[in-house]
Protein backbone atom coordinates (compact mmCIF):
# COMPACT_ATOMS: atom_id res chain seq x y z
CA UNK A 1 0.04 0.08 0.04
CA UNK A 2 1.46 3.30 -1.11
CA UNK A 3 1.04 5.99 1.45
CA UNK A 4 2.00 9.62 1.72
CA UNK A 5 3.96 11.19 4.52
CA UNK A 6 2.30 11.43 8.10
CA UNK A 7 0.64 14.83 8.50
CA UNK A 8 -1.11 16.45 11.45
CA UNK A 9 -4.02 18.88 11.94
CA UNK A 10 -6.59 20.19 14.31
CA UNK A 11 -8.89 20.99 11.55
CA UNK A 12 -11.31 18.05 12.10
CA UNK A 13 -13.60 19.34 9.46
CA UNK A 14 -11.39 18.05 6.57
CA UNK A 15 -12.16 14.39 7.53
CA UNK A 16 -15.21 12.63 6.11
CA UNK A 17 -16.52 9.29 7.39
CA UNK A 18 -17.46 6.48 4.98
CA UNK A 19 -20.90 4.99 5.21
CA UNK A 20 -19.37 1.53 4.91
CA UNK A 21 -17.35 1.84 8.02
CA UNK A 22 -18.40 0.71 11.48
CA UNK A 23 -20.04 3.43 13.53
CA UNK A 24 -17.96 5.33 16.03
CA UNK A 25 -17.98 3.54 19.34
CA UNK A 26 -19.04 6.17 22.10
CA UNK A 27 -19.43 3.71 24.96
CA UNK A 28 -17.93 0.55 26.28
CA UNK A 29 -14.73 -0.47 28.03
CA UNK A 30 -12.54 -0.54 24.97
CA UNK A 31 -13.51 3.02 24.09
CA UNK A 32 -12.95 4.15 27.66
CA UNK A 33 -9.59 2.66 27.61
CA UNK A 34 -8.57 4.47 24.36
CA UNK A 35 -9.94 7.66 25.68
CA UNK A 36 -7.72 7.36 28.87
CA UNK A 37 -4.65 6.40 26.79
CA UNK A 38 -5.10 9.51 24.45
CA UNK A 39 -5.63 11.64 27.65
CA UNK A 40 -2.37 10.49 28.99
CA UNK A 41 -0.24 10.25 25.86
CA UNK A 42 -1.92 12.19 23.15
CA UNK A 43 -2.45 11.20 19.61
CA UNK A 44 0.72 8.91 18.92
CA UNK A 45 2.06 9.64 15.46
CA UNK A 46 3.07 6.09 15.01
CA UNK A 47 -0.67 5.13 14.72
CA UNK A 48 -2.05 7.72 12.15
CA UNK A 49 -5.53 7.64 10.83
CA UNK A 50 -5.55 6.14 7.28
CA UNK A 51 -7.40 8.28 4.73
CA UNK A 52 -7.99 8.22 1.07
CA UNK A 53 -8.81 11.24 -1.12
CA UNK A 54 -11.76 10.80 -3.30
CA UNK A 55 -12.25 13.95 -5.47
CA UNK A 56 -12.05 16.96 -3.05
CA UNK A 57 -12.97 14.93 0.11
CA UNK A 58 -10.64 13.18 2.54
CA UNK A 59 -12.28 10.00 3.81
CA UNK A 60 -11.28 8.14 6.93
CA UNK A 61 -10.74 4.44 6.10
CA UNK A 62 -9.34 3.49 9.46
CA UNK A 63 -9.23 5.31 12.84
CA UNK A 64 -12.57 7.01 13.13
CA UNK A 65 -12.89 6.41 16.93
CA UNK A 66 -9.49 8.03 17.50
CA UNK A 67 -10.53 10.99 15.30
CA UNK A 68 -13.63 11.41 17.45
CA UNK A 69 -11.72 11.24 20.73
CA UNK A 70 -8.99 13.55 19.47
CA UNK A 71 -11.75 16.09 18.65
CA UNK A 72 -13.22 15.77 22.12
CA UNK A 73 -9.83 16.29 23.71
CA UNK A 74 -8.63 19.10 21.45
CA UNK A 75 -5.68 16.98 20.21
CA UNK A 76 -3.86 17.26 16.79
CA UNK A 77 -4.75 14.39 14.51
CA UNK A 78 -2.01 12.53 12.73
CA UNK A 79 -3.05 11.08 9.44
CA UNK A 80 -1.64 9.61 6.25
CA UNK A 81 -3.28 9.54 2.78
CA UNK A 82 -3.15 6.29 0.73
CA UNK A 83 -3.27 6.17 -3.00
CA UNK A 84 -6.58 6.87 -4.59
CA UNK A 85 -6.55 3.91 -6.75
CA UNK A 86 -5.88 1.57 -3.77
CA UNK A 87 -8.67 -1.05 -3.60
CA UNK A 88 -9.85 -1.36 0.08
CA UNK A 89 -12.13 -3.81 1.90
CA UNK A 90 -13.25 -1.69 4.95
CA UNK A 91 -14.39 -4.41 7.10
CA UNK A 92 -11.26 -6.50 6.58
CA UNK A 93 -9.00 -3.47 7.30
CA UNK A 94 -10.86 -2.40 10.43
CA UNK A 95 -10.93 -6.02 11.75
CA UNK A 96 -7.22 -5.76 12.39
CA UNK A 97 -7.70 -3.58 15.47
CA UNK A 98 -10.96 -4.88 16.95
CA UNK A 99 -12.70 -8.03 15.93
CA UNK A 100 -15.91 -7.19 13.98
CA UNK A 101 -19.06 -9.01 14.91
CA UNK A 102 -21.66 -10.23 12.31
CA UNK A 103 -23.65 -7.10 12.72
CA UNK A 104 -20.70 -4.90 12.01
CA UNK A 105 -20.13 -6.66 8.59
CA UNK A 106 -23.81 -6.68 7.70
CA UNK A 107 -24.26 -3.02 8.43
CA UNK A 108 -21.11 -2.02 6.73
CA UNK A 109 -21.82 -3.88 3.46
CA UNK A 110 -25.52 -2.93 3.69
CA UNK A 111 -24.42 0.69 3.77
CA UNK A 112 -22.16 -0.01 0.74
CA UNK A 113 -25.21 -0.87 -1.19
CA UNK A 114 -25.13 -4.74 -0.98
CA UNK A 115 -28.87 -5.47 -0.73
CA UNK A 116 -28.50 -9.11 0.38
CA UNK A 117 -26.82 -7.83 3.68
CA UNK A 118 -29.73 -5.51 4.41
CA UNK A 119 -32.16 -8.27 3.65
CA UNK A 120 -30.37 -10.53 6.22
CA UNK A 121 -30.55 -7.61 8.87
CA UNK A 122 -34.31 -7.26 8.13
CA UNK A 123 -35.04 -10.90 8.21
CA UNK A 124 -33.37 -11.38 11.60
CA UNK A 125 -35.32 -8.42 13.01
CA UNK A 126 -38.70 -9.65 11.64
CA UNK A 127 -38.30 -13.14 12.98
CA UNK A 128 -36.46 -12.07 16.31
CA UNK A 129 -33.49 -14.48 15.67
CA UNK A 130 -29.88 -13.88 15.86
CA UNK A 131 -28.29 -12.32 12.93
CA UNK A 132 -25.74 -15.09 12.63
CA UNK A 133 -28.65 -17.58 12.38
CA UNK A 134 -30.34 -15.46 9.59
CA UNK A 135 -26.99 -15.60 7.68
CA UNK A 136 -27.14 -19.33 7.80
CA UNK A 137 -30.87 -19.87 7.16
CA UNK A 138 -30.76 -17.58 4.07
CA UNK A 139 -27.45 -19.25 2.96
CA UNK A 140 -29.00 -22.70 2.87
CA UNK A 141 -27.19 -24.00 5.94
CA UNK A 142 -28.04 -24.69 9.62
CA UNK A 143 -24.35 -23.93 10.34
CA UNK A 144 -23.55 -20.15 9.81
CA UNK A 145 -19.89 -20.74 10.22
CA UNK A 146 -19.80 -22.42 6.84
CA UNK A 147 -20.76 -19.13 5.02
CA UNK A 148 -19.06 -16.72 7.45
CA UNK A 149 -15.96 -16.27 5.23
CA UNK A 150 -18.03 -15.23 2.30
CA UNK A 151 -20.05 -12.92 4.55
CA UNK A 152 -16.99 -11.18 6.01
CA UNK A 153 -15.46 -10.69 2.63
CA UNK A 154 -18.62 -9.15 1.15
CA UNK A 155 -19.38 -11.83 -1.32
CA UNK A 156 -22.26 -13.52 0.60
CA UNK A 157 -25.50 -13.98 -1.42
CA UNK A 158 -28.91 -15.26 -0.30
CA UNK A 159 -29.79 -18.52 -1.95
CA UNK A 160 -32.73 -19.92 -0.04
CA UNK A 161 -35.34 -17.34 0.78
CA UNK A 162 -38.23 -19.72 0.83
CA UNK A 163 -36.45 -22.30 3.09
CA UNK A 164 -35.29 -19.60 5.46
CA UNK A 165 -38.73 -18.17 5.68
CA UNK A 166 -40.23 -21.47 6.49
CA UNK A 167 -37.78 -22.33 9.13
CA UNK A 168 -38.05 -19.01 10.85
CA UNK A 169 -41.95 -18.98 10.63
CA UNK A 170 -42.07 -22.42 12.26
CA UNK A 171 -39.67 -21.13 14.93
CA UNK A 172 -41.78 -18.03 15.71
CA UNK A 173 -45.00 -20.06 15.74
CA UNK A 174 -43.56 -22.57 18.29
CA UNK A 175 -42.05 -19.61 20.33
CA UNK A 176 -45.39 -18.00 20.31
CA UNK A 177 -46.81 -21.08 22.04
CA UNK A 178 -43.89 -21.32 24.57
CA UNK A 179 -40.93 -18.96 24.39
CA UNK A 180 -38.71 -21.37 26.45
CA UNK A 181 -37.87 -23.22 23.16
CA UNK A 182 -36.10 -20.17 21.49
CA UNK A 183 -32.54 -21.47 20.95
CA UNK A 184 -30.19 -21.84 18.10
CA UNK A 185 -30.58 -25.68 18.51
CA UNK A 186 -34.30 -25.46 17.71
CA UNK A 187 -33.48 -23.55 14.45
CA UNK A 188 -30.96 -26.20 13.50
CA UNK A 189 -33.52 -28.99 14.30
CA UNK A 190 -36.30 -27.18 12.28
CA UNK A 191 -33.94 -26.78 9.35
CA UNK A 192 -33.46 -30.65 9.33
CA UNK A 193 -37.15 -31.10 9.92
CA UNK A 194 -38.36 -29.24 6.91
CA UNK A 195 -35.97 -30.94 4.51
CA UNK A 196 -37.85 -34.22 5.19
CA UNK A 197 -39.84 -35.06 1.99
CA UNK A 198 -43.59 -34.73 2.66
CA UNK A 199 -43.42 -33.28 6.15
CA UNK A 200 -46.24 -31.13 7.28
CA UNK A 201 -45.69 -27.86 9.02
CA UNK A 202 -49.15 -27.56 10.33
CA UNK A 203 -49.22 -30.89 11.81
CA UNK A 204 -46.28 -29.99 14.01
CA UNK A 205 -47.98 -26.79 15.10
CA UNK A 206 -51.15 -28.61 15.81
CA UNK A 207 -49.35 -30.99 18.10
CA UNK A 208 -47.71 -28.05 19.84
CA UNK A 209 -50.95 -26.39 20.59
CA UNK A 210 -52.46 -29.58 22.00
CA UNK A 211 -49.37 -30.32 24.01
CA UNK A 212 -47.73 -26.93 24.89
CA UNK A 213 -46.08 -28.50 28.03
CA UNK A 214 -43.97 -30.48 25.74
CA UNK A 215 -42.29 -27.38 24.38
CA UNK A 216 -39.32 -27.18 26.66
CA UNK A 217 -35.73 -25.92 26.28
CA UNK A 218 -33.09 -28.47 25.13
CA UNK A 219 -29.31 -28.30 25.13
CA UNK A 220 -28.82 -29.85 21.60
CA UNK A 221 -30.31 -30.48 18.37
CA UNK A 222 -31.31 -34.05 19.13
CA UNK A 223 -33.21 -33.14 22.08
CA UNK A 224 -35.33 -30.77 20.03
CA UNK A 225 -35.74 -33.48 17.29
CA UNK A 226 -37.09 -35.80 19.88
CA UNK A 227 -39.50 -33.18 20.92
CA UNK A 228 -40.55 -32.25 17.37
CA UNK A 229 -41.17 -36.14 16.72
CA UNK A 230 -43.45 -36.45 19.92
CA UNK A 231 -45.54 -33.31 18.93
CA UNK A 232 -45.80 -34.33 15.25
CA UNK A 233 -47.14 -37.70 16.22
CA UNK A 234 -49.28 -36.80 19.07
CA UNK A 235 -52.81 -38.37 18.71
CA UNK A 236 -51.63 -40.36 15.59
CA UNK A 237 -52.00 -44.10 15.43
CA UNK A 238 -49.35 -44.24 12.77
CA UNK A 239 -46.06 -42.69 13.92
CA UNK A 240 -43.63 -40.98 11.63
CA UNK A 241 -39.94 -41.36 12.50
CA UNK A 242 -38.92 -37.61 12.45
CA UNK A 243 -35.70 -38.17 14.26
CA UNK A 244 -34.43 -40.87 11.99
CA UNK A 245 -35.48 -39.09 8.84
CA UNK A 246 -34.00 -35.76 9.95
CA UNK A 247 -30.67 -37.34 10.89
CA UNK A 248 -30.47 -38.90 7.49
CA UNK A 249 -31.19 -35.56 5.81
CA UNK A 250 -28.51 -34.01 8.09
CA UNK A 251 -26.00 -36.62 7.24
CA UNK A 252 -26.74 -36.18 3.64
CA UNK A 253 -25.97 -32.41 3.96
CA UNK A 254 -22.91 -33.03 6.13
CA UNK A 255 -24.73 -31.23 9.11
CA UNK A 256 -24.12 -33.86 11.72
CA UNK A 257 -20.83 -33.97 13.78
CA UNK A 258 -20.97 -33.56 17.47
CA UNK A 259 -24.63 -34.35 18.78
CA UNK A 260 -24.14 -31.19 20.98
CA UNK A 261 -23.73 -28.92 17.77
């Protein structure tokens, strides 16, 4: 990366923040530690803000929190300007100082115009599920970790809207009957459940409404599959082997490893 010499200024107005960058942290222990350090030692020139000139504007690529604190304390800001033609992945660059969380990546890429990332955020909020779970469900997997690399790089694409909506809707309907069941393990169990050919969602919900006391919290996927099978077969003379069929589906999709997963 080509950079110019390190310069300093107290004219904070020359700096612009990128929409794709993570929001400036104004609370939290890490922010307090940084504030205290800059109070004691000032703005250290060995760690300048990294900027890039775009037209007549000087955009902060990395160091927006240090800039905000320097402004509060009235400190001179040290900065360097990288070449305008340097290609930058904002989340990847910022992740070197403080690990980004799933929401940081989602919001950064959504602000940068990647519609699939905004859709994931909206999906998670609408169904009241963790953002990481939404990433997996809309990416055709019960294990979000398998698509996290693409998600962090900004190359993630939604591949299974219908499947994701179906799983999340079932999850919400069961949680409406008894919120105790709301865990990531239930989402994984439901993901396997709906992949069983010929399975009936309303039959499961019907059993849950008739036996709400069976809706309890489990510490693994197989506990929830056992619960789902009991609810699915409640009041039926012919029992359907939900657990066996679900495990078969999971094995085919390489979803099974540790039963606790």
